[in-house]
């Protein structure tokens, strides 16, 4: 019937719009400088940009459409919840696995450390946010990841240098304390010697005075 044809056309148009919107989303995400991926509300990967390919060495065509925490494998070598999952459904137990994690409005942010990600020590900064449709319903989540390894290494070097300077200052301070202590001892000794000399001089004058008087009195 005419109504059936119209309904089919309507569904076809909605499907085309949905595909078109996904393609637009994918195009936008591809040009983002940070490694970024998107999952739908069921946990299937619907976008995986070039920066994400470079970071994980996993091509988009190999992971798009996959679920069951497939996106966690390049980072943890196992299927597990990561930040994007916590953004979709907050879980305190999962949050406790992160050393540094905090909420910011509708997003959740965390600092990640990997002793050997792709064969090298790596620090990452990640941000995950829920995605909503025009009805306000949650339709998925997006996560962006930035490699901050060089920044963290620089911070470590600055701290190491600062600690070294602090150590040198403390050593120098200790040396100055020892020198100051020696000076105080020397000053005290000098004061004692001066005092002894003054007393000796006083005694000498007293003796000389009495001897002089005696000599004077014995003169005929």
N, C-alpha and C. Protein backbone atom coordinates (compact mmCIF):
# COMPACT_ATOMS: atom_id res chain seq x y z
N UNK A 1 0.84 -1.20 0.00
CA UNK A 1 0.00 0.00 0.00
C UNK A 1 0.87 1.25 0.00
N UNK A 2 0.21 2.37 -0.23
CA UNK A 2 0.90 3.65 -0.28
C UNK A 2 1.53 3.98 1.08
N UNK A 3 0.81 3.62 2.17
CA UNK A 3 1.32 3.88 3.52
C UNK A 3 2.56 3.04 3.82
N UNK A 4 2.53 1.79 3.36
CA UNK A 4 3.69 0.91 3.57
C UNK A 4 4.91 1.43 2.85
N UNK A 5 4.69 1.94 1.64
CA UNK A 5 5.80 2.50 0.84
C UNK A 5 6.38 3.72 1.54
N UNK A 6 5.47 4.58 2.05
CA UNK A 6 5.92 5.79 2.77
C UNK A 6 6.71 5.44 4.02
N UNK A 7 6.24 4.39 4.74
CA UNK A 7 6.93 3.96 5.96
C UNK A 7 8.30 3.40 5.64
N UNK A 8 8.37 2.60 4.56
CA UNK A 8 9.65 2.05 4.15
C UNK A 8 10.63 3.15 3.76
N UNK A 9 10.11 4.13 3.04
CA UNK A 9 10.94 5.28 2.63
C UNK A 9 11.43 6.07 3.84
N UNK A 10 10.51 6.17 4.85
CA UNK A 10 10.87 6.90 6.07
C UNK A 10 11.99 6.18 6.82
N UNK A 11 11.86 4.85 6.96
CA UNK A 11 12.89 4.06 7.63
C UNK A 11 14.21 4.12 6.86
N UNK A 12 14.10 4.07 5.54
CA UNK A 12 15.30 4.14 4.70
C UNK A 12 16.00 5.48 4.89
N UNK A 13 15.19 6.55 4.96
CA UNK A 13 15.73 7.89 5.14
C UNK A 13 16.41 8.03 6.50
N UNK A 14 15.78 7.46 7.56
CA UNK A 14 16.36 7.49 8.90
C UNK A 14 17.68 6.72 8.95
N UNK A 15 17.69 5.54 8.28
CA UNK A 15 18.90 4.72 8.23
C UNK A 15 20.02 5.46 7.52
N UNK A 16 19.67 6.13 6.40
CA UNK A 16 20.67 6.89 5.65
C UNK A 16 21.20 8.06 6.47
N UNK A 17 20.27 8.71 7.22
CA UNK A 17 20.68 9.83 8.08
C UNK A 17 21.61 9.35 9.18
N UNK A 18 21.30 8.17 9.74
CA UNK A 18 22.11 7.60 10.81
C UNK A 18 23.52 7.28 10.29
N UNK A 19 23.57 6.65 9.12
CA UNK A 19 24.86 6.31 8.51
C UNK A 19 25.64 7.57 8.19
N UNK A 20 24.93 8.56 7.67
CA UNK A 20 25.55 9.83 7.31
C UNK A 20 26.11 10.53 8.55
N UNK A 21 25.32 10.50 9.64
CA UNK A 21 25.77 11.16 10.88
C UNK A 21 27.00 10.44 11.45
N UNK A 22 27.03 9.10 11.35
CA UNK A 22 28.18 8.33 11.82
C UNK A 22 29.42 8.65 11.00
N UNK A 23 29.22 8.81 9.69
CA UNK A 23 30.35 9.13 8.81
C UNK A 23 30.88 10.53 9.11
N UNK A 24 29.95 11.47 9.37
CA UNK A 24 30.37 12.83 9.72
C UNK A 24 31.14 12.83 11.03
N UNK A 25 30.62 12.07 12.00
CA UNK A 25 31.29 11.96 13.30
C UNK A 25 32.69 11.39 13.12
N UNK A 26 32.80 10.34 12.31
CA UNK A 26 34.08 9.70 12.05
C UNK A 26 35.06 10.67 11.38
N UNK A 27 34.55 11.47 10.43
CA UNK A 27 35.38 12.45 9.73
C UNK A 27 35.91 13.51 10.70
N UNK A 28 35.02 13.98 11.58
CA UNK A 28 35.41 15.00 12.56
C UNK A 28 36.48 14.45 13.49
N UNK A 29 36.24 13.25 14.02
CA UNK A 29 37.16 12.62 14.97
C UNK A 29 38.51 12.34 14.34
N UNK A 30 38.52 11.99 13.06
CA UNK A 30 39.77 11.67 12.37
C UNK A 30 40.75 12.84 12.36
N UNK A 31 40.21 14.06 12.37
CA UNK A 31 41.06 15.23 12.30
C UNK A 31 41.47 15.76 13.68
N UNK A 32 40.99 15.11 14.73
CA UNK A 32 41.39 15.53 16.08
C UNK A 32 42.84 15.14 16.32
N UNK A 33 43.63 16.01 16.96
CA UNK A 33 45.05 15.68 17.20
C UNK A 33 45.26 14.60 18.24
N UNK A 34 44.33 14.50 19.20
CA UNK A 34 44.46 13.48 20.25
C UNK A 34 43.87 12.15 19.79
N UNK A 35 44.45 11.06 20.28
CA UNK A 35 43.92 9.73 19.99
C UNK A 35 42.51 9.65 20.57
N UNK A 36 41.53 9.37 19.71
CA UNK A 36 40.12 9.41 20.14
C UNK A 36 39.34 8.25 19.55
N UNK A 37 38.46 7.68 20.38
CA UNK A 37 37.56 6.64 19.88
C UNK A 37 36.19 6.79 20.53
N UNK A 38 35.19 6.18 19.90
CA UNK A 38 33.80 6.30 20.36
C UNK A 38 33.19 4.91 20.42
N UNK A 39 32.40 4.67 21.48
CA UNK A 39 31.63 3.42 21.55
C UNK A 39 30.14 3.77 21.68
N UNK A 40 29.28 2.86 21.23
CA UNK A 40 27.85 3.08 21.42
C UNK A 40 27.45 2.59 22.81
N UNK A 41 26.17 2.67 23.12
CA UNK A 41 25.71 2.31 24.47
C UNK A 41 25.89 0.82 24.77
N UNK A 42 26.09 0.02 23.73
CA UNK A 42 26.32 -1.42 23.92
C UNK A 42 27.80 -1.77 23.99
N UNK A 43 28.66 -0.75 23.88
CA UNK A 43 30.10 -0.98 23.99
C UNK A 43 30.80 -1.36 22.70
N UNK A 44 30.13 -1.14 21.56
CA UNK A 44 30.77 -1.43 20.27
C UNK A 44 31.49 -0.19 19.75
N UNK A 45 32.67 -0.39 19.20
CA UNK A 45 33.45 0.72 18.68
C UNK A 45 32.82 1.24 17.38
N UNK A 46 32.50 2.55 17.36
CA UNK A 46 31.90 3.14 16.17
C UNK A 46 32.80 4.21 15.53
N UNK A 47 33.88 4.54 16.20
CA UNK A 47 34.85 5.48 15.62
C UNK A 47 36.21 5.26 16.27
N UNK A 48 37.26 5.36 15.43
CA UNK A 48 38.64 5.08 15.88
C UNK A 48 39.55 5.90 14.98
N UNK A 49 40.05 7.03 15.49
CA UNK A 49 40.74 7.95 14.58
C UNK A 49 42.20 7.56 14.27
N UNK A 50 42.81 8.33 13.38
CA UNK A 50 44.18 8.02 12.93
C UNK A 50 45.19 8.09 14.07
N UNK A 51 45.00 9.09 14.95
CA UNK A 51 45.91 9.22 16.10
C UNK A 51 45.80 8.00 17.00
N UNK A 52 44.60 7.43 17.08
CA UNK A 52 44.39 6.21 17.87
C UNK A 52 45.11 5.03 17.20
N UNK A 53 45.06 4.99 15.88
CA UNK A 53 45.78 3.96 15.13
C UNK A 53 47.28 4.05 15.41
N UNK A 54 47.81 5.27 15.38
CA UNK A 54 49.24 5.48 15.61
C UNK A 54 49.66 5.09 17.03
N UNK A 55 48.80 5.41 18.00
CA UNK A 55 49.12 5.12 19.40
C UNK A 55 49.08 3.63 19.71
N UNK A 56 48.04 2.95 19.17
CA UNK A 56 47.83 1.53 19.52
C UNK A 56 48.36 0.55 18.48
N UNK A 57 48.66 1.07 17.27
CA UNK A 57 49.06 0.24 16.13
C UNK A 57 47.94 -0.72 15.71
N UNK A 58 46.71 -0.31 16.01
CA UNK A 58 45.53 -1.08 15.59
C UNK A 58 44.76 -0.24 14.58
N UNK A 59 44.59 -0.77 13.38
CA UNK A 59 43.88 -0.05 12.33
C UNK A 59 42.37 -0.02 12.63
N UNK A 60 41.74 1.07 12.19
CA UNK A 60 40.32 1.26 12.45
C UNK A 60 39.47 0.11 11.92
N UNK A 61 39.77 -0.36 10.70
CA UNK A 61 38.93 -1.39 10.08
C UNK A 61 38.98 -2.71 10.86
N UNK A 62 40.04 -2.89 11.68
CA UNK A 62 40.15 -4.13 12.45
C UNK A 62 39.36 -4.10 13.76
N UNK A 63 38.97 -2.90 14.19
CA UNK A 63 38.31 -2.80 15.49
C UNK A 63 36.89 -2.23 15.42
N UNK A 64 36.56 -1.52 14.35
CA UNK A 64 35.22 -0.94 14.23
C UNK A 64 34.16 -2.04 14.29
N UNK A 65 33.14 -1.78 15.09
CA UNK A 65 32.04 -2.74 15.22
C UNK A 65 32.25 -3.78 16.31
N UNK A 66 33.47 -3.85 16.84
CA UNK A 66 33.76 -4.85 17.87
C UNK A 66 33.40 -4.34 19.26
N UNK A 67 32.97 -5.27 20.12
CA UNK A 67 32.61 -4.95 21.50
C UNK A 67 33.41 -5.80 22.47
N UNK A 68 32.80 -6.08 23.62
CA UNK A 68 33.44 -6.93 24.63
C UNK A 68 34.82 -6.40 25.03
N UNK A 69 34.90 -5.06 25.21
CA UNK A 69 36.12 -4.38 25.67
C UNK A 69 37.33 -4.64 24.77
N UNK A 70 37.10 -4.82 23.48
CA UNK A 70 38.18 -5.04 22.52
C UNK A 70 39.20 -3.89 22.55
N UNK A 71 38.68 -2.68 22.80
CA UNK A 71 39.51 -1.46 22.78
C UNK A 71 40.49 -1.39 23.95
N UNK A 72 40.31 -2.24 24.97
CA UNK A 72 41.22 -2.21 26.12
C UNK A 72 42.47 -3.06 25.89
N UNK A 73 42.39 -3.99 24.95
CA UNK A 73 43.49 -4.94 24.72
C UNK A 73 44.81 -4.26 24.34
N UNK A 74 44.81 -3.26 23.43
CA UNK A 74 46.10 -2.62 23.08
C UNK A 74 46.81 -1.99 24.28
N UNK A 75 46.05 -1.61 25.31
CA UNK A 75 46.63 -0.96 26.47
C UNK A 75 46.97 -1.93 27.60
N UNK A 76 46.07 -2.90 27.85
CA UNK A 76 46.23 -3.77 29.02
C UNK A 76 46.46 -5.25 28.68
N UNK A 77 46.45 -5.57 27.39
CA UNK A 77 46.62 -6.96 26.95
C UNK A 77 45.54 -7.89 27.53
N UNK A 78 44.40 -7.31 27.84
CA UNK A 78 43.26 -8.09 28.33
C UNK A 78 41.98 -7.27 28.14
N UNK A 79 40.87 -7.96 28.20
CA UNK A 79 39.58 -7.28 28.10
C UNK A 79 39.16 -6.82 29.50
N UNK A 80 39.00 -5.51 29.66
CA UNK A 80 38.61 -4.97 30.96
C UNK A 80 37.99 -3.59 30.77
N UNK A 81 37.30 -3.15 31.80
CA UNK A 81 36.71 -1.80 31.74
C UNK A 81 37.82 -0.76 31.80
N UNK A 82 37.66 0.28 30.99
CA UNK A 82 38.60 1.39 31.05
C UNK A 82 37.80 2.68 31.27
N UNK A 83 38.43 3.82 31.11
CA UNK A 83 37.80 5.10 31.46
C UNK A 83 36.48 5.34 30.74
N UNK A 84 36.42 4.99 29.47
CA UNK A 84 35.22 5.22 28.68
C UNK A 84 34.02 4.44 29.24
N UNK A 85 34.29 3.28 29.82
CA UNK A 85 33.23 2.47 30.44
C UNK A 85 32.75 3.08 31.75
N UNK A 86 33.70 3.65 32.50
CA UNK A 86 33.35 4.33 33.74
C UNK A 86 32.51 5.57 33.44
N UNK A 87 32.80 6.23 32.31
CA UNK A 87 32.01 7.39 31.90
C UNK A 87 30.57 6.99 31.60
N UNK A 88 30.41 5.83 30.97
CA UNK A 88 29.07 5.32 30.65
C UNK A 88 28.31 4.90 31.90
N UNK A 89 29.01 4.21 32.78
CA UNK A 89 28.40 3.73 34.02
C UNK A 89 29.43 3.78 35.14
N UNK A 90 29.29 4.78 36.01
CA UNK A 90 30.26 4.98 37.08
C UNK A 90 30.33 3.78 38.00
N UNK A 91 31.57 3.40 38.33
CA UNK A 91 31.81 2.26 39.20
C UNK A 91 33.00 2.58 40.08
N UNK A 92 32.76 2.71 41.40
CA UNK A 92 33.81 3.11 42.33
C UNK A 92 34.97 2.13 42.35
N UNK A 93 34.66 0.84 42.24
CA UNK A 93 35.71 -0.19 42.25
C UNK A 93 36.66 -0.02 41.07
N UNK A 94 36.07 0.32 39.90
CA UNK A 94 36.91 0.54 38.71
C UNK A 94 37.69 1.84 38.83
N UNK A 95 37.08 2.85 39.43
CA UNK A 95 37.75 4.13 39.61
C UNK A 95 38.95 4.00 40.54
N UNK A 96 38.84 3.13 41.53
CA UNK A 96 39.92 2.93 42.50
C UNK A 96 41.18 2.33 41.89
N UNK A 97 41.07 1.80 40.67
CA UNK A 97 42.23 1.22 39.99
C UNK A 97 43.18 2.30 39.46
N UNK A 98 42.68 3.54 39.43
CA UNK A 98 43.47 4.65 38.91
C UNK A 98 44.09 5.43 40.07
N UNK A 99 45.38 5.79 39.92
CA UNK A 99 46.05 6.58 40.94
C UNK A 99 45.55 8.02 40.97
N UNK A 100 45.26 8.54 39.79
CA UNK A 100 44.78 9.92 39.68
C UNK A 100 43.56 9.95 38.78
N UNK A 101 42.40 10.23 39.35
CA UNK A 101 41.15 10.26 38.59
C UNK A 101 40.21 11.26 39.23
N UNK A 102 39.51 12.04 38.41
CA UNK A 102 38.54 12.98 38.97
C UNK A 102 37.46 13.31 37.94
N UNK A 103 36.34 13.79 38.47
CA UNK A 103 35.19 14.14 37.62
C UNK A 103 35.19 15.64 37.35
N UNK A 104 34.78 15.99 36.14
CA UNK A 104 34.69 17.39 35.75
C UNK A 104 33.44 17.58 34.90
N UNK A 105 32.38 18.11 35.53
CA UNK A 105 31.07 18.25 34.88
C UNK A 105 30.59 16.88 34.37
N UNK A 106 30.42 16.72 33.06
CA UNK A 106 29.93 15.45 32.52
C UNK A 106 31.05 14.50 32.11
N UNK A 107 32.28 14.90 32.39
CA UNK A 107 33.43 14.10 31.97
C UNK A 107 34.17 13.50 33.16
N UNK A 108 34.99 12.51 32.85
CA UNK A 108 35.86 11.91 33.86
C UNK A 108 37.27 11.89 33.29
N UNK A 109 38.24 12.30 34.09
CA UNK A 109 39.62 12.42 33.63
C UNK A 109 40.54 11.56 34.49
N UNK A 110 41.61 11.08 33.89
CA UNK A 110 42.56 10.25 34.64
C UNK A 110 43.94 10.30 34.02
N UNK A 111 44.94 10.08 34.87
CA UNK A 111 46.32 9.94 34.40
C UNK A 111 46.66 8.46 34.47
N UNK A 112 47.25 7.95 33.40
CA UNK A 112 47.54 6.52 33.30
C UNK A 112 49.04 6.30 33.15
N UNK A 113 49.52 5.24 33.78
CA UNK A 113 50.94 4.91 33.66
C UNK A 113 51.07 3.46 33.19
N UNK A 114 51.90 3.27 32.15
CA UNK A 114 52.15 1.93 31.61
C UNK A 114 53.67 1.70 31.60
N UNK A 115 54.16 0.73 32.36
CA UNK A 115 55.60 0.45 32.38
C UNK A 115 56.15 0.08 31.01
N UNK A 116 55.29 -0.56 30.18
CA UNK A 116 55.76 -0.97 28.86
C UNK A 116 54.60 -0.99 27.86
N UNK A 117 54.22 0.18 27.40
CA UNK A 117 53.19 0.28 26.37
C UNK A 117 53.89 0.37 25.02
N UNK A 118 53.65 -0.60 24.16
CA UNK A 118 54.34 -0.67 22.87
C UNK A 118 55.86 -0.69 23.08
N UNK A 119 56.27 -1.34 24.20
CA UNK A 119 57.69 -1.52 24.45
C UNK A 119 58.40 -0.39 25.16
N UNK A 120 57.66 0.62 25.62
CA UNK A 120 58.33 1.70 26.33
C UNK A 120 57.46 2.27 27.45
N UNK A 121 58.13 2.85 28.45
CA UNK A 121 57.44 3.47 29.57
C UNK A 121 56.60 4.63 29.04
N UNK A 122 55.32 4.66 29.42
CA UNK A 122 54.40 5.65 28.85
C UNK A 122 53.45 6.22 29.90
N UNK A 123 53.27 7.53 29.83
CA UNK A 123 52.27 8.22 30.64
C UNK A 123 51.20 8.78 29.70
N UNK A 124 49.94 8.55 30.06
CA UNK A 124 48.84 9.05 29.24
C UNK A 124 47.88 9.86 30.09
N UNK A 125 47.25 10.84 29.44
CA UNK A 125 46.18 11.63 30.07
C UNK A 125 44.92 11.37 29.26
N UNK A 126 43.87 10.89 29.94
CA UNK A 126 42.65 10.51 29.22
C UNK A 126 41.42 11.26 29.75
N UNK A 127 40.48 11.50 28.84
CA UNK A 127 39.23 12.17 29.20
C UNK A 127 38.09 11.47 28.47
N UNK A 128 37.08 11.04 29.23
CA UNK A 128 35.94 10.34 28.65
C UNK A 128 34.64 11.06 29.01
N UNK A 129 33.73 11.08 28.03
CA UNK A 129 32.47 11.80 28.21
C UNK A 129 31.30 11.03 27.61
N UNK A 130 30.17 11.07 28.27
CA UNK A 130 28.96 10.44 27.73
C UNK A 130 28.48 11.21 26.51
N UNK A 131 27.83 10.50 25.60
CA UNK A 131 27.23 11.13 24.43
C UNK A 131 25.71 10.97 24.51
N UNK A 132 24.98 12.03 24.15
CA UNK A 132 23.51 12.02 24.22
C UNK A 132 22.92 12.31 22.84
N UNK A 133 21.72 11.80 22.60
CA UNK A 133 21.00 12.16 21.38
C UNK A 133 20.14 13.39 21.66
N UNK A 134 19.38 13.83 20.66
CA UNK A 134 18.59 15.05 20.84
C UNK A 134 17.42 14.88 21.81
N UNK A 135 17.18 13.64 22.25
CA UNK A 135 16.14 13.39 23.25
C UNK A 135 16.71 13.34 24.67
N UNK A 136 18.03 13.51 24.75
CA UNK A 136 18.68 13.48 26.06
C UNK A 136 19.00 12.09 26.55
N UNK A 137 18.93 11.11 25.65
CA UNK A 137 19.23 9.72 26.01
C UNK A 137 20.71 9.44 25.76
N UNK A 138 21.30 8.62 26.63
CA UNK A 138 22.71 8.26 26.47
C UNK A 138 22.83 7.27 25.31
N UNK A 139 23.67 7.62 24.33
CA UNK A 139 23.82 6.76 23.16
C UNK A 139 25.23 6.19 23.03
N UNK A 140 26.10 6.58 23.94
CA UNK A 140 27.47 6.08 23.87
C UNK A 140 28.42 6.97 24.67
N UNK A 141 29.69 6.85 24.36
CA UNK A 141 30.70 7.66 25.05
C UNK A 141 31.90 7.85 24.13
N UNK A 142 32.66 8.90 24.42
CA UNK A 142 33.85 9.22 23.63
C UNK A 142 35.03 9.38 24.59
N UNK A 143 36.18 8.90 24.17
CA UNK A 143 37.39 9.05 25.00
C UNK A 143 38.53 9.59 24.15
N UNK A 144 39.20 10.59 24.68
CA UNK A 144 40.39 11.16 24.03
C UNK A 144 41.59 10.90 24.93
N UNK A 145 42.70 10.53 24.30
CA UNK A 145 43.91 10.15 25.05
C UNK A 145 45.10 10.93 24.52
N UNK A 146 45.88 11.48 25.43
CA UNK A 146 47.07 12.25 25.04
C UNK A 146 48.32 11.66 25.68
N UNK A 147 49.36 11.51 24.90
CA UNK A 147 50.63 11.01 25.42
C UNK A 147 51.37 12.16 26.10
N UNK A 148 51.57 12.04 27.41
CA UNK A 148 52.25 13.11 28.18
C UNK A 148 53.59 12.61 28.74
N UNK A 149 54.14 11.59 28.09
CA UNK A 149 55.39 10.98 28.58
C UNK A 149 56.53 11.99 28.65
N UNK A 150 56.73 12.76 27.58
CA UNK A 150 57.84 13.73 27.56
C UNK A 150 57.68 14.77 28.66
N UNK A 151 56.43 15.17 28.91
CA UNK A 151 56.14 16.15 29.97
C UNK A 151 56.47 15.56 31.35
N UNK A 152 56.07 14.30 31.57
CA UNK A 152 56.32 13.65 32.86
C UNK A 152 57.82 13.43 33.07
N UNK A 153 58.54 13.07 32.00
CA UNK A 153 59.98 12.88 32.10
C UNK A 153 60.66 14.20 32.46
N UNK A 154 60.20 15.29 31.82
CA UNK A 154 60.74 16.62 32.11
C UNK A 154 60.47 17.00 33.57
N UNK A 155 59.26 16.69 34.06
CA UNK A 155 58.91 16.96 35.46
C UNK A 155 59.82 16.18 36.41
N UNK A 156 60.09 14.93 36.05
CA UNK A 156 60.97 14.09 36.87
C UNK A 156 62.38 14.67 36.90
N UNK A 157 62.86 15.14 35.73
CA UNK A 157 64.20 15.72 35.65
C UNK A 157 64.30 16.98 36.49
N UNK A 158 63.26 17.81 36.43
CA UNK A 158 63.22 19.05 37.22
C UNK A 158 63.23 18.72 38.71
N UNK A 159 62.45 17.71 39.10
CA UNK A 159 62.39 17.30 40.50
C UNK A 159 63.74 16.75 40.95
N UNK A 160 64.35 15.93 40.07
CA UNK A 160 65.66 15.36 40.39
C UNK A 160 66.70 16.48 40.59
N UNK A 161 66.66 17.49 39.69
CA UNK A 161 67.58 18.62 39.78
C UNK A 161 67.32 19.42 41.05
N UNK A 162 66.03 19.63 41.35
CA UNK A 162 65.64 20.37 42.55
C UNK A 162 66.11 19.64 43.80
N UNK A 163 65.91 18.32 43.82
CA UNK A 163 66.33 17.51 44.97
C UNK A 163 67.85 17.54 45.13
N UNK A 164 68.55 17.53 43.99
CA UNK A 164 70.02 17.58 44.03
C UNK A 164 70.49 18.92 44.61
N UNK A 165 69.86 20.01 44.15
CA UNK A 165 70.21 21.33 44.67
C UNK A 165 69.92 21.42 46.18
N UNK A 166 68.76 20.85 46.55
CA UNK A 166 68.38 20.85 47.96
C UNK A 166 69.41 20.09 48.79
N UNK A 167 69.87 18.96 48.23
CA UNK A 167 70.87 18.14 48.91
C UNK A 167 72.18 18.91 49.07
N UNK A 168 72.58 19.62 47.99
CA UNK A 168 73.81 20.41 48.04
C UNK A 168 73.70 21.52 49.08
N UNK A 169 72.53 22.18 49.10
CA UNK A 169 72.30 23.27 50.08
C UNK A 169 72.36 22.71 51.50
N UNK A 170 71.72 21.54 51.69
CA UNK A 170 71.73 20.92 53.02
C UNK A 170 73.15 20.54 53.44
N UNK A 171 73.93 20.00 52.47
CA UNK A 171 75.32 19.63 52.77
C UNK A 171 76.13 20.88 53.12
N UNK A 172 75.93 21.94 52.32
CA UNK A 172 76.65 23.20 52.55
C UNK A 172 76.24 23.80 53.89
N UNK A 173 74.96 23.71 54.20
CA UNK A 173 74.46 24.24 55.47
C UNK A 173 75.08 23.49 56.63
N UNK A 174 75.19 22.17 56.47
CA UNK A 174 75.80 21.34 57.51
C UNK A 174 77.27 21.70 57.69
N UNK A 175 77.96 21.94 56.56
CA UNK A 175 79.37 22.35 56.61
C UNK A 175 79.51 23.69 57.34
N UNK A 176 78.62 24.62 56.99
CA UNK A 176 78.65 25.95 57.62
C UNK A 176 78.36 25.85 59.12
N UNK A 177 77.46 24.93 59.46
CA UNK A 177 77.16 24.72 60.89
C UNK A 177 78.41 24.25 61.63
N UNK A 178 79.13 23.28 60.99
CA UNK A 178 80.36 22.75 61.60
C UNK A 178 81.41 23.83 61.72
N UNK A 179 81.56 24.64 60.64
CA UNK A 179 82.54 25.74 60.65
C UNK A 179 82.18 26.75 61.74
N UNK A 180 80.87 27.04 61.81
CA UNK A 180 80.39 28.01 62.80
C UNK A 180 80.64 27.50 64.22
N UNK A 181 80.44 26.19 64.40
CA UNK A 181 80.67 25.58 65.71
C UNK A 181 82.15 25.70 66.09
N UNK A 182 83.03 25.42 65.11
CA UNK A 182 84.47 25.53 65.35
C UNK A 182 84.85 26.97 65.70
N UNK A 183 84.24 27.92 64.97
CA UNK A 183 84.52 29.33 65.22
C UNK A 183 84.08 29.73 66.63
N UNK A 184 82.92 29.23 67.04
CA UNK A 184 82.42 29.53 68.38
C UNK A 184 83.36 28.99 69.45
N UNK A 185 83.89 27.76 69.18
CA UNK A 185 84.84 27.16 70.12
C UNK A 185 86.12 27.99 70.17
N UNK A 186 86.60 28.42 68.97
CA UNK A 186 87.82 29.24 68.90
C UNK A 186 87.63 30.58 69.60
N UNK A 187 86.44 31.18 69.38
CA UNK A 187 86.13 32.47 70.02
C UNK A 187 86.11 32.32 71.53
N UNK A 188 85.50 31.20 71.99
CA UNK A 188 85.43 30.95 73.43
C UNK A 188 86.83 30.76 74.02
N UNK A 189 87.66 29.99 73.26
CA UNK A 189 89.05 29.78 73.70
C UNK A 189 89.80 31.11 73.78
N UNK A 190 89.59 31.94 72.73
CA UNK A 190 90.26 33.25 72.68
C UNK A 190 89.81 34.12 73.85
N UNK A 191 88.52 34.06 74.15
CA UNK A 191 87.99 34.85 75.26
C UNK A 191 88.57 34.37 76.59
N UNK A 192 88.72 33.03 76.70
CA UNK A 192 89.29 32.46 77.92
C UNK A 192 90.76 32.87 78.07
N UNK A 193 91.48 32.84 76.94
CA UNK A 193 92.90 33.27 76.95
C UNK A 193 93.00 34.74 77.32
N UNK A 194 92.14 35.56 76.71
CA UNK A 194 92.14 37.00 77.01
C UNK A 194 91.87 37.24 78.49
N UNK A 195 90.90 36.48 79.00
CA UNK A 195 90.54 36.63 80.41
C UNK A 195 91.71 36.22 81.31
N UNK A 196 92.37 35.11 80.90
CA UNK A 196 93.54 34.63 81.66
C UNK A 196 94.66 35.68 81.63
N UNK A 197 94.89 36.28 80.46
CA UNK A 197 95.91 37.32 80.32
C UNK A 197 95.60 38.54 81.16
N UNK A 198 94.31 38.90 81.16
CA UNK A 198 93.90 40.06 81.96
C UNK A 198 94.13 39.80 83.45
N UNK A 199 93.77 38.57 83.87
CA UNK A 199 93.96 38.22 85.29
C UNK A 199 95.45 38.17 85.62
N UNK A 200 96.25 37.63 84.67
CA UNK A 200 97.71 37.56 84.88
C UNK A 200 98.30 38.97 84.99
N UNK A 201 97.82 39.84 84.09
CA UNK A 201 98.30 41.22 84.08
C UNK A 201 97.92 41.92 85.38
N UNK A 202 96.72 41.63 85.85
CA UNK A 202 96.23 42.24 87.10
C UNK A 202 97.09 41.77 88.28
N UNK A 203 97.34 40.44 88.27
CA UNK A 203 98.19 39.87 89.34
C UNK A 203 99.61 40.44 89.27
N UNK A 204 100.13 40.57 88.05
CA UNK A 204 101.48 41.10 87.86
C UNK A 204 101.58 42.53 88.40
N UNK A 205 100.59 43.35 88.08
CA UNK A 205 100.58 44.73 88.55
C UNK A 205 100.52 44.80 90.07
N UNK A 206 99.68 43.90 90.62
CA UNK A 206 99.52 43.89 92.07
C UNK A 206 100.85 43.50 92.74
N UNK A 207 101.49 42.47 92.19
CA UNK A 207 102.78 42.02 92.73
C UNK A 207 103.83 43.11 92.57
N UNK A 208 103.88 43.73 91.40
CA UNK A 208 104.86 44.77 91.12
C UNK A 208 104.67 45.95 92.07
N UNK A 209 103.41 46.25 92.39
CA UNK A 209 103.09 47.38 93.27
C UNK A 209 103.62 47.11 94.66
N UNK A 210 103.35 45.88 95.16
CA UNK A 210 103.80 45.55 96.50
C UNK A 210 105.32 45.43 96.57
N UNK A 211 105.94 44.87 95.58
CA UNK A 211 107.40 44.75 95.52
C UNK A 211 108.03 46.11 95.49
N UNK A 212 107.44 47.01 94.68
CA UNK A 212 107.95 48.37 94.57
C UNK A 212 107.93 49.10 95.89
N UNK A 213 106.82 48.92 96.60
CA UNK A 213 106.68 49.57 97.91
C UNK A 213 107.72 49.04 98.88
N UNK A 214 107.90 47.73 98.83
CA UNK A 214 108.87 47.09 99.72
C UNK A 214 110.29 47.57 99.46
N UNK A 215 110.61 47.71 98.18
CA UNK A 215 111.93 48.17 97.78
C UNK A 215 112.15 49.59 98.24
N UNK A 216 111.10 50.41 98.07
CA UNK A 216 111.19 51.82 98.44
C UNK A 216 111.40 51.97 99.95
N UNK A 217 110.65 51.12 100.72
CA UNK A 217 110.72 51.22 102.16
C UNK A 217 112.06 50.69 102.71
N UNK A 218 112.70 49.83 102.05
CA UNK A 218 113.96 49.27 102.55
C UNK A 218 115.17 50.08 102.18
N UNK A 219 114.94 51.11 101.39
CA UNK A 219 116.07 51.98 101.00
C UNK A 219 116.46 52.86 102.18
N UNK A 220 117.78 52.98 102.58
CA UNK A 220 118.20 53.78 103.75
C UNK A 220 118.09 55.29 103.47
